[in-house]
């Protein structure tokens, strides 16, 4: 790992399969490459990646990051950690029906375990991974606020939440004088599936960026929108990664044509243009880049450095 690039990237590196699908050498190489390129945000979760683990439990990703920090003196000071609680299975084979939830005791315990695995005393952003309707929202919001007050968490985010629950959580925080959640993480990309069949693609009912979400993020000051799966598992540029059937509609054909034209004009990949489009949109959206090779990461970084003109953004937004 060399000295960091001075122009900080406005994307996050997704570490979901570090320690499971990606071994230590690959994980370390991608982390080094990302930070050297000017990246700072690394996104993980306490449940990653339980579906890849022999015992069906999470923690491998955070453990791998902790080993990287230990092997790279000064690395912790150059990055910002985004991790989550709420989706760790309650037992083997219980996801998604039964997970750890977001009770106050669970949030405190899970954060302590995450900090131990990461080898740090704080994280910059702590997310409720998905809503827990079985726990009073006031209890969950208060639990996260207590960790901020204790200095173990910098900011609070909500992931896979219905927007009305987001607003209610923020109202509860304001009522009590607690820290207010300031980030929302959902699935988002340039192409969109047909709304009525989204559940065939994704198991979080409210885990999608909608027009209402974009309007909310544009209107609310200090609110930040993050997006996972922005590159659709490589489907923009890989023939071996076909789009799910839910994307088979005329809007996809028209938007792919616009994307292909602009990528050809700029001499970059379609994936790179998608990353640039997300950062140039109103509101801007921070993509979480899930990559497994240095070439994939270099391509995504090229997109993060690409600056689209308003006319180019409009050309991408027009077809539906």
C-alpha atoms as a PDB file:
ATOM      1  CA  UNK A   1       0.000   0.000   0.000  1.00  0.00           C
ATOM      2  CA  UNK A   2       1.453   3.318  -1.103  1.00  0.00           C
ATOM      3  CA  UNK A   3       0.518   6.907  -0.340  1.00  0.00           C
ATOM      4  CA  UNK A   4      -3.144   7.662  -1.046  1.00  0.00           C
ATOM      5  CA  UNK A   5      -4.385   9.498  -4.113  1.00  0.00           C
ATOM      6  CA  UNK A   6      -5.166  13.121  -3.259  1.00  0.00           C
ATOM      7  CA  UNK A   7      -8.532  13.123  -5.086  1.00  0.00           C
ATOM      8  CA  UNK A   8     -10.798  11.131  -2.773  1.00  0.00           C
ATOM      9  CA  UNK A   9     -13.244   8.798  -4.464  1.00  0.00           C
ATOM     10  CA  UNK A  10     -16.941   9.253  -3.713  1.00  0.00           C
ATOM     11  CA  UNK A  11     -17.638   5.524  -3.805  1.00  0.00           C
ATOM     12  CA  UNK A  12     -17.421   2.736  -1.227  1.00  0.00           C
ATOM     13  CA  UNK A  13     -15.676  -0.609  -1.569  1.00  0.00           C
ATOM     14  CA  UNK A  14     -17.988  -3.488  -0.751  1.00  0.00           C
ATOM     15  CA  UNK A  15     -16.205  -6.077   1.384  1.00  0.00           C
ATOM     16  CA  UNK A  16     -19.116  -8.526   1.551  1.00  0.00           C
ATOM     17  CA  UNK A  17     -17.238 -11.647   0.416  1.00  0.00           C
ATOM     18  CA  UNK A  18     -13.797 -10.795   1.775  1.00  0.00           C
ATOM     19  CA  UNK A  19     -12.722 -13.719   3.913  1.00  0.00           C
ATOM     20  CA  UNK A  20     -15.095 -16.166   2.266  1.00  0.00           C
ATOM     21  CA  UNK A  21     -15.202 -16.048  -1.544  1.00  0.00           C
ATOM     22  CA  UNK A  22     -12.088 -13.819  -1.625  1.00  0.00           C
ATOM     23  CA  UNK A  23      -9.068 -15.169   0.225  1.00  0.00           C
ATOM     24  CA  UNK A  24      -6.648 -13.046   2.226  1.00  0.00           C
ATOM     25  CA  UNK A  25      -4.260 -12.311  -0.630  1.00  0.00           C
ATOM     26  CA  UNK A  26      -7.069 -11.173  -2.939  1.00  0.00           C
ATOM     27  CA  UNK A  27      -8.834  -9.186  -0.226  1.00  0.00           C
ATOM     28  CA  UNK A  28      -5.642  -7.401   0.821  1.00  0.00           C
ATOM     29  CA  UNK A  29      -4.758  -6.596  -2.788  1.00  0.00           C
ATOM     30  CA  UNK A  30      -8.171  -5.064  -3.488  1.00  0.00           C
ATOM     31  CA  UNK A  31      -8.108  -3.053  -0.269  1.00  0.00           C
ATOM     32  CA  UNK A  32      -4.621  -1.745  -1.047  1.00  0.00           C
ATOM     33  CA  UNK A  33      -5.623  -0.857  -4.597  1.00  0.00           C
ATOM     34  CA  UNK A  34      -8.765   0.947  -3.466  1.00  0.00           C
ATOM     35  CA  UNK A  35      -7.029   3.071  -0.834  1.00  0.00           C
ATOM     36  CA  UNK A  36      -4.101   3.839  -3.138  1.00  0.00           C
ATOM     37  CA  UNK A  37      -6.605   5.090  -5.722  1.00  0.00           C
ATOM     38  CA  UNK A  38      -8.107   7.541  -3.236  1.00  0.00           C
ATOM     39  CA  UNK A  39     -10.904   5.418  -1.778  1.00  0.00           C
ATOM     40  CA  UNK A  40     -11.779   5.751   1.877  1.00  0.00           C
ATOM     41  CA  UNK A  41     -15.186   4.176   2.583  1.00  0.00           C
ATOM     42  CA  UNK A  42     -15.303   0.392   3.123  1.00  0.00           C
ATOM     43  CA  UNK A  43     -18.740  -1.186   3.527  1.00  0.00           C
ATOM     44  CA  UNK A  44     -19.320  -4.435   5.395  1.00  0.00           C
ATOM     45  CA  UNK A  45     -21.754  -6.033   7.886  1.00  0.00           C
ATOM     46  CA  UNK A  46     -21.631  -8.377  10.837  1.00  0.00           C
ATOM     47  CA  UNK A  47     -23.569 -11.001   8.850  1.00  0.00           C
ATOM     48  CA  UNK A  48     -21.191 -11.098   5.857  1.00  0.00           C
ATOM     49  CA  UNK A  49     -21.028 -13.574   4.385  1.00  0.00           C
ATOM     50  CA  UNK A  50     -23.004 -16.182   6.316  1.00  0.00           C
ATOM     51  CA  UNK A  51     -24.257 -17.861   3.112  1.00  0.00           C
ATOM     52  CA  UNK A  52     -20.659 -18.500   2.036  1.00  0.00           C
ATOM     53  CA  UNK A  53     -19.508 -19.765   5.440  1.00  0.00           C
ATOM     54  CA  UNK A  54     -19.404 -23.475   6.343  1.00  0.00           C
ATOM     55  CA  UNK A  55     -21.086 -22.800   9.696  1.00  0.00           C
ATOM     56  CA  UNK A  56     -23.716 -20.447   8.275  1.00  0.00           C
ATOM     57  CA  UNK A  57     -22.499 -17.531  10.412  1.00  0.00           C
ATOM     58  CA  UNK A  58     -21.212 -14.100   9.479  1.00  0.00           C
ATOM     59  CA  UNK A  59     -18.164 -12.195  10.708  1.00  0.00           C
ATOM     60  CA  UNK A  60     -15.601 -13.268   8.123  1.00  0.00           C
ATOM     61  CA  UNK A  61     -15.597  -9.939   6.281  1.00  0.00           C
ATOM     62  CA  UNK A  62     -15.039  -7.861   9.410  1.00  0.00           C
ATOM     63  CA  UNK A  63     -12.361 -10.304  10.570  1.00  0.00           C
ATOM     64  CA  UNK A  64     -10.542  -9.966   7.245  1.00  0.00           C
ATOM     65  CA  UNK A  65     -10.667  -6.183   7.478  1.00  0.00           C
ATOM     66  CA  UNK A  66      -9.255  -6.375  10.998  1.00  0.00           C
ATOM     67  CA  UNK A  67      -6.362  -8.495   9.741  1.00  0.00           C
ATOM     68  CA  UNK A  68      -5.713  -5.987   6.962  1.00  0.00           C
ATOM     69  CA  UNK A  69      -5.635  -3.103   9.450  1.00  0.00           C
ATOM     70  CA  UNK A  70      -3.193  -5.041  11.626  1.00  0.00           C
ATOM     71  CA  UNK A  71      -0.945  -5.758   8.631  1.00  0.00           C
ATOM     72  CA  UNK A  72      -1.022  -2.179   7.310  1.00  0.00           C
ATOM     73  CA  UNK A  73       0.127   0.325   9.934  1.00  0.00           C
ATOM     74  CA  UNK A  74      -1.757   3.587   9.522  1.00  0.00           C
ATOM     75  CA  UNK A  75      -4.436   2.077   7.270  1.00  0.00           C
ATOM     76  CA  UNK A  76      -7.204   2.551   9.840  1.00  0.00           C
ATOM     77  CA  UNK A  77      -6.561   6.314   9.824  1.00  0.00           C
ATOM     78  CA  UNK A  78      -7.022   6.431   6.044  1.00  0.00           C
ATOM     79  CA  UNK A  79     -10.389   4.696   5.811  1.00  0.00           C
ATOM     80  CA  UNK A  80     -13.919   5.064   7.085  1.00  0.00           C
ATOM     81  CA  UNK A  81     -15.789   1.944   8.142  1.00  0.00           C
ATOM     82  CA  UNK A  82     -19.437   1.331   7.346  1.00  0.00           C
ATOM     83  CA  UNK A  83     -20.867  -1.781   9.001  1.00  0.00           C
ATOM     84  CA  UNK A  84     -24.307  -3.103   9.907  1.00  0.00           C
ATOM     85  CA  UNK A  85     -26.377  -5.053  12.409  1.00  0.00           C
ATOM     86  CA  UNK A  86     -29.702  -6.837  12.097  1.00  0.00           C
ATOM     87  CA  UNK A  87     -29.389  -9.574   9.445  1.00  0.00           C
ATOM     88  CA  UNK A  88     -27.209 -12.154  11.164  1.00  0.00           C
ATOM     89  CA  UNK A  89     -29.255 -15.402  11.203  1.00  0.00           C
ATOM     90  CA  UNK A  90     -30.667 -16.346  14.586  1.00  0.00           C
ATOM     91  CA  UNK A  91     -29.432 -19.881  13.881  1.00  0.00           C
ATOM     92  CA  UNK A  92     -28.282 -22.079  11.002  1.00  0.00           C
ATOM     93  CA  UNK A  93     -30.710 -21.899   8.118  1.00  0.00           C
ATOM     94  CA  UNK A  94     -33.049 -19.373   9.751  1.00  0.00           C
ATOM     95  CA  UNK A  95     -32.532 -16.449   7.349  1.00  0.00           C
ATOM     96  CA  UNK A  96     -34.612 -14.511   6.390  1.00  0.00           C
ATOM     97  CA  UNK A  97     -37.409 -15.653   8.693  1.00  0.00           C
ATOM     98  CA  UNK A  98     -35.423 -15.301  11.925  1.00  0.00           C
ATOM     99  CA  UNK A  99     -32.481 -12.926  12.378  1.00  0.00           C
ATOM    100  CA  UNK A 100     -30.860 -11.227  15.344  1.00  0.00           C
ATOM    101  CA  UNK A 101     -33.105  -8.168  15.129  1.00  0.00           C
ATOM    102  CA  UNK A 102     -32.506  -4.679  16.494  1.00  0.00           C
ATOM    103  CA  UNK A 103     -33.285  -4.805  20.207  1.00  0.00           C
ATOM    104  CA  UNK A 104     -31.091  -2.517  22.307  1.00  0.00           C
ATOM    105  CA  UNK A 105     -29.141  -5.394  23.847  1.00  0.00           C
ATOM    106  CA  UNK A 106     -28.542  -6.890  20.398  1.00  0.00           C
ATOM    107  CA  UNK A 107     -27.251  -3.623  18.951  1.00  0.00           C
ATOM    108  CA  UNK A 108     -24.828  -3.159  21.848  1.00  0.00           C
ATOM    109  CA  UNK A 109     -23.578  -6.753  21.739  1.00  0.00           C
ATOM    110  CA  UNK A 110     -23.260  -6.880  17.960  1.00  0.00           C
ATOM    111  CA  UNK A 111     -21.329  -3.625  17.819  1.00  0.00           C
ATOM    112  CA  UNK A 112     -18.903  -4.840  20.468  1.00  0.00           C
ATOM    113  CA  UNK A 113     -18.325  -8.019  18.466  1.00  0.00           C
ATOM    114  CA  UNK A 114     -17.859  -6.043  15.248  1.00  0.00           C
ATOM    115  CA  UNK A 115     -15.339  -3.712  16.860  1.00  0.00           C
ATOM    116  CA  UNK A 116     -13.406  -6.698  18.190  1.00  0.00           C
ATOM    117  CA  UNK A 117     -13.275  -8.343  14.768  1.00  0.00           C
ATOM    118  CA  UNK A 118     -12.298  -5.069  13.102  1.00  0.00           C
ATOM    119  CA  UNK A 119      -9.649  -4.314  15.704  1.00  0.00           C
ATOM    120  CA  UNK A 120     -10.864  -0.770  16.280  1.00  0.00           C
ATOM    121  CA  UNK A 121     -12.714   1.211  18.928  1.00  0.00           C
ATOM    122  CA  UNK A 122     -15.220   2.929  16.633  1.00  0.00           C
ATOM    123  CA  UNK A 123     -16.876   2.894  13.244  1.00  0.00           C
ATOM    124  CA  UNK A 124     -17.720   5.961  11.229  1.00  0.00           C
ATOM    125  CA  UNK A 125     -21.150   4.745  10.090  1.00  0.00           C
ATOM    126  CA  UNK A 126     -23.355   2.094  11.715  1.00  0.00           C
ATOM    127  CA  UNK A 127     -26.434   0.802   9.897  1.00  0.00           C
ATOM    128  CA  UNK A 128     -29.609  -0.939  10.896  1.00  0.00           C
ATOM    129  CA  UNK A 129     -29.367  -3.590   8.184  1.00  0.00           C
ATOM    130  CA  UNK A 130     -33.109  -4.089   7.849  1.00  0.00           C
ATOM    131  CA  UNK A 131     -36.166  -3.015   9.815  1.00  0.00           C
ATOM    132  CA  UNK A 132     -37.145  -5.060  12.858  1.00  0.00           C
ATOM    133  CA  UNK A 133     -40.902  -4.680  13.233  1.00  0.00           C
ATOM    134  CA  UNK A 134     -40.815  -6.877  16.346  1.00  0.00           C
ATOM    135  CA  UNK A 135     -38.823  -4.285  18.332  1.00  0.00           C
ATOM    136  CA  UNK A 136     -40.261  -0.843  19.166  1.00  0.00           C
ATOM    137  CA  UNK A 137     -38.695   1.684  16.828  1.00  0.00           C
ATOM    138  CA  UNK A 138     -37.996   3.968  19.772  1.00  0.00           C
ATOM    139  CA  UNK A 139     -35.867   1.247  21.365  1.00  0.00           C
ATOM    140  CA  UNK A 140     -33.828   0.742  18.188  1.00  0.00           C
ATOM    141  CA  UNK A 141     -33.298   4.455  17.547  1.00  0.00           C
ATOM    142  CA  UNK A 142     -32.299   4.975  21.167  1.00  0.00           C
ATOM    143  CA  UNK A 143     -29.873   2.052  21.045  1.00  0.00           C
ATOM    144  CA  UNK A 144     -28.030   3.507  18.059  1.00  0.00           C
ATOM    145  CA  UNK A 145     -27.994   6.970  19.633  1.00  0.00           C
ATOM    146  CA  UNK A 146     -26.453   5.524  22.802  1.00  0.00           C
ATOM    147  CA  UNK A 147     -23.551   4.138  20.769  1.00  0.00           C
ATOM    148  CA  UNK A 148     -22.977   7.547  19.202  1.00  0.00           C
ATOM    149  CA  UNK A 149     -23.009   9.151  22.642  1.00  0.00           C
ATOM    150  CA  UNK A 150     -20.480   6.547  23.795  1.00  0.00           C
ATOM    151  CA  UNK A 151     -18.119   7.537  20.962  1.00  0.00           C
ATOM    152  CA  UNK A 152     -18.211   4.130  19.311  1.00  0.00           C
ATOM    153  CA  UNK A 153     -20.272   5.265  16.299  1.00  0.00           C
ATOM    154  CA  UNK A 154     -19.951   8.420  14.226  1.00  0.00           C
ATOM    155  CA  UNK A 155     -23.205   8.425  12.238  1.00  0.00           C
ATOM    156  CA  UNK A 156     -26.303   6.248  11.997  1.00  0.00           C
ATOM    157  CA  UNK A 157     -27.810   4.831   8.794  1.00  0.00           C
ATOM    158  CA  UNK A 158     -30.873   2.786   7.853  1.00  0.00           C
ATOM    159  CA  UNK A 159     -30.809   0.060   5.205  1.00  0.00           C
ATOM    160  CA  UNK A 160     -33.763  -1.635   3.478  1.00  0.00           C
ATOM    161  CA  UNK A 161     -36.311   0.519   5.338  1.00  0.00           C
ATOM    162  CA  UNK A 162     -39.678   1.696   4.071  1.00  0.00           C
ATOM    163  CA  UNK A 163     -39.530   5.466   3.723  1.00  0.00           C
ATOM    164  CA  UNK A 164     -42.349   6.038   6.200  1.00  0.00           C
ATOM    165  CA  UNK A 165     -40.345   4.123   8.791  1.00  0.00           C
ATOM    166  CA  UNK A 166     -37.296   6.252   8.016  1.00  0.00           C
ATOM    167  CA  UNK A 167     -39.262   9.406   8.653  1.00  0.00           C
ATOM    168  CA  UNK A 168     -40.787   8.004  11.833  1.00  0.00           C
ATOM    169  CA  UNK A 169     -37.325   7.014  13.124  1.00  0.00           C
ATOM    170  CA  UNK A 170     -36.015  10.507  12.455  1.00  0.00           C
ATOM    171  CA  UNK A 171     -39.012  12.009  14.227  1.00  0.00           C
ATOM    172  CA  UNK A 172     -38.411   9.861  17.302  1.00  0.00           C
ATOM    173  CA  UNK A 173     -34.755  10.905  17.341  1.00  0.00           C
ATOM    174  CA  UNK A 174     -35.668  14.585  17.080  1.00  0.00           C
ATOM    175  CA  UNK A 175     -38.285  14.257  19.824  1.00  0.00           C
ATOM    176  CA  UNK A 176     -35.735  12.826  22.267  1.00  0.00           C
ATOM    177  CA  UNK A 177     -32.775  14.944  21.201  1.00  0.00           C
ATOM    178  CA  UNK A 178     -30.962  11.865  19.907  1.00  0.00           C
ATOM    179  CA  UNK A 179     -28.670  11.672  16.909  1.00  0.00           C
ATOM    180  CA  UNK A 180     -30.773  11.519  13.755  1.00  0.00           C
ATOM    181  CA  UNK A 181     -30.198   8.828  11.114  1.00  0.00           C
ATOM    182  CA  UNK A 182     -28.576  10.586   8.163  1.00  0.00           C
ATOM    183  CA  UNK A 183     -28.080   7.899   5.519  1.00  0.00           C
ATOM    184  CA  UNK A 184     -30.220   5.386   3.675  1.00  0.00           C
ATOM    185  CA  UNK A 185     -28.838   2.325   1.877  1.00  0.00           C
ATOM    186  CA  UNK A 186     -30.897   0.614  -0.811  1.00  0.00           C
ATOM    187  CA  UNK A 187     -30.490  -1.267  -4.082  1.00  0.00           C
ATOM    188  CA  UNK A 188     -30.136   0.991  -7.123  1.00  0.00           C
ATOM    189  CA  UNK A 189     -28.714   0.996 -10.624  1.00  0.00           C
ATOM    190  CA  UNK A 190     -29.175   2.624 -14.011  1.00  0.00           C
ATOM    191  CA  UNK A 191     -31.452  -0.154 -15.221  1.00  0.00           C
ATOM    192  CA  UNK A 192     -34.608  -0.857 -13.233  1.00  0.00           C
ATOM    193  CA  UNK A 193     -36.712  -4.028 -13.021  1.00  0.00           C
ATOM    194  CA  UNK A 194     -40.468  -4.027 -13.499  1.00  0.00           C
ATOM    195  CA  UNK A 195     -41.887  -2.873 -10.128  1.00  0.00           C
ATOM    196  CA  UNK A 196     -44.363  -5.714  -9.657  1.00  0.00           C
ATOM    197  CA  UNK A 197     -41.690  -8.401 -10.020  1.00  0.00           C
ATOM    198  CA  UNK A 198     -38.907  -6.822  -7.965  1.00  0.00           C
ATOM    199  CA  UNK A 199     -39.296  -9.490  -5.311  1.00  0.00           C
ATOM    200  CA  UNK A 200     -38.095 -12.037  -7.868  1.00  0.00           C
ATOM    201  CA  UNK A 201     -34.739 -10.210  -7.920  1.00  0.00           C
ATOM    202  CA  UNK A 202     -34.329  -9.133  -4.323  1.00  0.00           C
ATOM    203  CA  UNK A 203     -35.532 -10.392  -0.933  1.00  0.00           C
ATOM    204  CA  UNK A 204     -35.934  -6.991   0.759  1.00  0.00           C
ATOM    205  CA  UNK A 205     -39.428  -5.658   0.030  1.00  0.00           C
ATOM    206  CA  UNK A 206     -38.472  -2.027   0.619  1.00  0.00           C
ATOM    207  CA  UNK A 207     -34.850  -2.342  -0.463  1.00  0.00           C
ATOM    208  CA  UNK A 208     -35.154  -0.302  -3.667  1.00  0.00           C
ATOM    209  CA  UNK A 209     -34.518   3.312  -4.561  1.00  0.00           C
ATOM    210  CA  UNK A 210     -37.792   4.764  -5.868  1.00  0.00           C
ATOM    211  CA  UNK A 211     -38.773   8.193  -7.152  1.00  0.00           C
ATOM    212  CA  UNK A 212     -40.083   8.959  -3.679  1.00  0.00           C
ATOM    213  CA  UNK A 213     -36.719   8.053  -2.132  1.00  0.00           C
ATOM    214  CA  UNK A 214     -34.882  10.274  -4.631  1.00  0.00           C
ATOM    215  CA  UNK A 215     -37.224  13.157  -3.872  1.00  0.00           C
ATOM    216  CA  UNK A 216     -36.707  12.663  -0.134  1.00  0.00           C
ATOM    217  CA  UNK A 217     -32.934  12.579  -0.448  1.00  0.00           C
ATOM    218  CA  UNK A 218     -32.981  15.696  -2.624  1.00  0.00           C
ATOM    219  CA  UNK A 219     -35.180  17.630  -0.206  1.00  0.00           C
ATOM    220  CA  UNK A 220     -33.723  16.659   3.173  1.00  0.00           C
ATOM    221  CA  UNK A 221     -30.497  18.539   4.030  1.00  0.00           C
ATOM    222  CA  UNK A 222     -27.620  16.417   5.252  1.00  0.00           C
ATOM    223  CA  UNK A 223     -29.218  13.217   3.985  1.00  0.00           C
ATOM    224  CA  UNK A 224     -27.038  10.732   2.105  1.00  0.00           C
ATOM    225  CA  UNK A 225     -28.124   7.921  -0.210  1.00  0.00           C
ATOM    226  CA  UNK A 226     -25.992   4.778  -0.682  1.00  0.00           C
ATOM    227  CA  UNK A 227     -26.629   2.061  -3.257  1.00  0.00           C
ATOM    228  CA  UNK A 228     -25.662  -1.584  -3.255  1.00  0.00           C
ATOM    229  CA  UNK A 229     -25.585  -3.825  -6.362  1.00  0.00           C
ATOM    230  CA  UNK A 230     -25.055  -0.788  -8.629  1.00  0.00           C
ATOM    231  CA  UNK A 231     -23.427  -2.852 -11.407  1.00  0.00           C
ATOM    232  CA  UNK A 232     -25.927  -5.744 -11.349  1.00  0.00           C
ATOM    233  CA  UNK A 233     -23.247  -8.366 -10.655  1.00  0.00           C
ATOM    234  CA  UNK A 234     -21.340  -7.431 -13.799  1.00  0.00           C
ATOM    235  CA  UNK A 235     -24.307  -7.699 -16.189  1.00  0.00           C
ATOM    236  CA  UNK A 236     -23.518  -4.406 -17.929  1.00  0.00           C
ATOM    237  CA  UNK A 237     -20.320  -5.768 -19.481  1.00  0.00           C
ATOM    238  CA  UNK A 238     -20.229  -9.542 -18.988  1.00  0.00           C
ATOM    239  CA  UNK A 239     -21.990 -11.955 -21.323  1.00  0.00           C
ATOM    240  CA  UNK A 240     -21.898 -14.644 -18.630  1.00  0.00           C
ATOM    241  CA  UNK A 241     -24.000 -12.467 -16.293  1.00  0.00           C
ATOM    242  CA  UNK A 242     -27.378 -12.074 -17.996  1.00  0.00           C
ATOM    243  CA  UNK A 243     -29.948  -9.698 -16.576  1.00  0.00           C
ATOM    244  CA  UNK A 244     -32.739 -11.305 -14.541  1.00  0.00           C
ATOM    245  CA  UNK A 245     -36.056 -11.663 -16.339  1.00  0.00           C
ATOM    246  CA  UNK A 246     -37.522  -8.782 -14.328  1.00  0.00           C
ATOM    247  CA  UNK A 247     -35.376  -6.417 -16.421  1.00  0.00           C
ATOM    248  CA  UNK A 248     -36.819  -7.708 -19.690  1.00  0.00           C
ATOM    249  CA  UNK A 249     -38.936  -4.739 -20.790  1.00  0.00           C
ATOM    250  CA  UNK A 250     -38.700  -1.965 -23.430  1.00  0.00           C
ATOM    251  CA  UNK A 251     -37.209   0.540 -20.982  1.00  0.00           C
ATOM    252  CA  UNK A 252     -34.179  -1.681 -20.511  1.00  0.00           C
ATOM    253  CA  UNK A 253     -33.627  -1.858 -24.274  1.00  0.00           C
ATOM    254  CA  UNK A 254     -33.813   1.918 -24.669  1.00  0.00           C
ATOM    255  CA  UNK A 255     -31.598   2.703 -21.687  1.00  0.00           C
ATOM    256  CA  UNK A 256     -28.990   0.118 -22.696  1.00  0.00           C
ATOM    257  CA  UNK A 257     -28.840   1.736 -26.123  1.00  0.00           C
ATOM    258  CA  UNK A 258     -28.205   5.169 -24.584  1.00  0.00           C
ATOM    259  CA  UNK A 259     -25.640   3.714 -22.201  1.00  0.00           C
ATOM    260  CA  UNK A 260     -23.825   1.863 -24.977  1.00  0.00           C
ATOM    261  CA  UNK A 261     -23.672   4.963 -27.168  1.00  0.00           C
ATOM    262  CA  UNK A 262     -22.207   7.163 -24.448  1.00  0.00           C
ATOM    263  CA  UNK A 263     -19.726   4.506 -23.306  1.00  0.00           C
ATOM    264  CA  UNK A 264     -18.530   4.157 -26.910  1.00  0.00           C
ATOM    265  CA  UNK A 265     -18.202   7.921 -27.330  1.00  0.00           C
ATOM    266  CA  UNK A 266     -16.148   8.155 -24.122  1.00  0.00           C
ATOM    267  CA  UNK A 267     -14.104   5.020 -24.740  1.00  0.00           C
ATOM    268  CA  UNK A 268     -15.015   3.445 -21.390  1.00  0.00           C
ATOM    269  CA  UNK A 269     -17.058   0.477 -20.236  1.00  0.00           C
ATOM    270  CA  UNK A 270     -20.791   0.647 -19.624  1.00  0.00           C
ATOM    271  CA  UNK A 271     -20.133  -0.128 -15.949  1.00  0.00           C
ATOM    272  CA  UNK A 272     -17.865   2.904 -15.656  1.00  0.00           C
ATOM    273  CA  UNK A 273     -20.594   5.132 -17.098  1.00  0.00           C
ATOM    274  CA  UNK A 274     -23.125   3.721 -14.615  1.00  0.00           C
ATOM    275  CA  UNK A 275     -20.850   4.650 -11.688  1.00  0.00           C
ATOM    276  CA  UNK A 276     -20.328   8.141 -13.107  1.00  0.00           C
ATOM    277  CA  UNK A 277     -24.065   8.567 -13.714  1.00  0.00           C
ATOM    278  CA  UNK A 278     -24.911   7.705 -10.110  1.00  0.00           C
ATOM    279  CA  UNK A 279     -22.429  10.236  -8.781  1.00  0.00           C
ATOM    280  CA  UNK A 280     -23.667  12.932 -11.190  1.00  0.00           C
ATOM    281  CA  UNK A 281     -27.372  12.343 -10.551  1.00  0.00           C
ATOM    282  CA  UNK A 282     -29.649  14.553  -8.470  1.00  0.00           C
ATOM    283  CA  UNK A 283     -29.390  13.607  -5.714  1.00  0.00           C
ATOM    284  CA  UNK A 284     -25.939  12.011  -5.980  1.00  0.00           C
ATOM    285  CA  UNK A 285     -25.861   8.369  -4.925  1.00  0.00           C
ATOM    286  CA  UNK A 286     -22.798   6.703  -3.417  1.00  0.00           C
ATOM    287  CA  UNK A 287     -22.263   3.341  -5.168  1.00  0.00           C
ATOM    288  CA  UNK A 288     -20.969   0.415  -3.140  1.00  0.00           C
ATOM    289  CA  UNK A 289     -18.599  -1.429  -5.458  1.00  0.00           C
ATOM    290  CA  UNK A 290     -18.575  -5.194  -5.096  1.00  0.00           C
ATOM    291  CA  UNK A 291     -15.557  -6.386  -7.081  1.00  0.00           C
ATOM    292  CA  UNK A 292     -13.458  -9.528  -7.068  1.00  0.00           C
ATOM    293  CA  UNK A 293     -10.514  -8.680  -9.361  1.00  0.00           C
ATOM    294  CA  UNK A 294      -8.100  -5.758  -9.740  1.00  0.00           C
ATOM    295  CA  UNK A 295      -9.373  -5.185 -13.289  1.00  0.00           C
ATOM    296  CA  UNK A 296     -12.964  -4.834 -12.096  1.00  0.00           C
ATOM    297  CA  UNK A 297     -11.897  -2.394  -9.406  1.00  0.00           C
ATOM    298  CA  UNK A 298      -9.805  -0.328 -11.835  1.00  0.00           C
ATOM    299  CA  UNK A 299     -12.791  -0.092 -14.161  1.00  0.00           C
ATOM    300  CA  UNK A 300     -15.080   1.059 -11.338  1.00  0.00           C
ATOM    301  CA  UNK A 301     -12.500   3.603 -10.175  1.00  0.00           C
ATOM    302  CA  UNK A 302     -12.330   4.946 -13.735  1.00  0.00           C
ATOM    303  CA  UNK A 303     -16.071   5.487 -13.523  1.00  0.00           C
ATOM    304  CA  UNK A 304     -15.725   7.281 -10.189  1.00  0.00           C
ATOM    305  CA  UNK A 305     -13.219   9.665 -11.778  1.00  0.00           C
ATOM    306  CA  UNK A 306     -15.324  10.228 -14.895  1.00  0.00           C
ATOM    307  CA  UNK A 307     -17.166  13.564 -14.885  1.00  0.00           C
ATOM    308  CA  UNK A 308     -20.295  13.542 -17.017  1.00  0.00           C
ATOM    309  CA  UNK A 309     -21.666  16.803 -18.385  1.00  0.00           C
ATOM    310  CA  UNK A 310     -25.286  17.805 -17.658  1.00  0.00           C
ATOM    311  CA  UNK A 311     -26.100  17.038 -21.298  1.00  0.00           C
ATOM    312  CA  UNK A 312     -24.652  13.529 -20.992  1.00  0.00           C
ATOM    313  CA  UNK A 313     -26.614  12.877 -17.788  1.00  0.00           C
ATOM    314  CA  UNK A 314     -29.781  14.113 -19.512  1.00  0.00           C
ATOM    315  CA  UNK A 315     -29.149  11.787 -22.459  1.00  0.00           C
ATOM    316  CA  UNK A 316     -28.925   8.848 -20.060  1.00  0.00           C
ATOM    317  CA  UNK A 317     -31.998   9.889 -18.077  1.00  0.00           C
ATOM    318  CA  UNK A 318     -34.288  10.488 -21.049  1.00  0.00           C
ATOM    319  CA  UNK A 319     -35.097   6.971 -22.293  1.00  0.00           C
ATOM    320  CA  UNK A 320     -37.596   4.832 -20.344  1.00  0.00           C
END
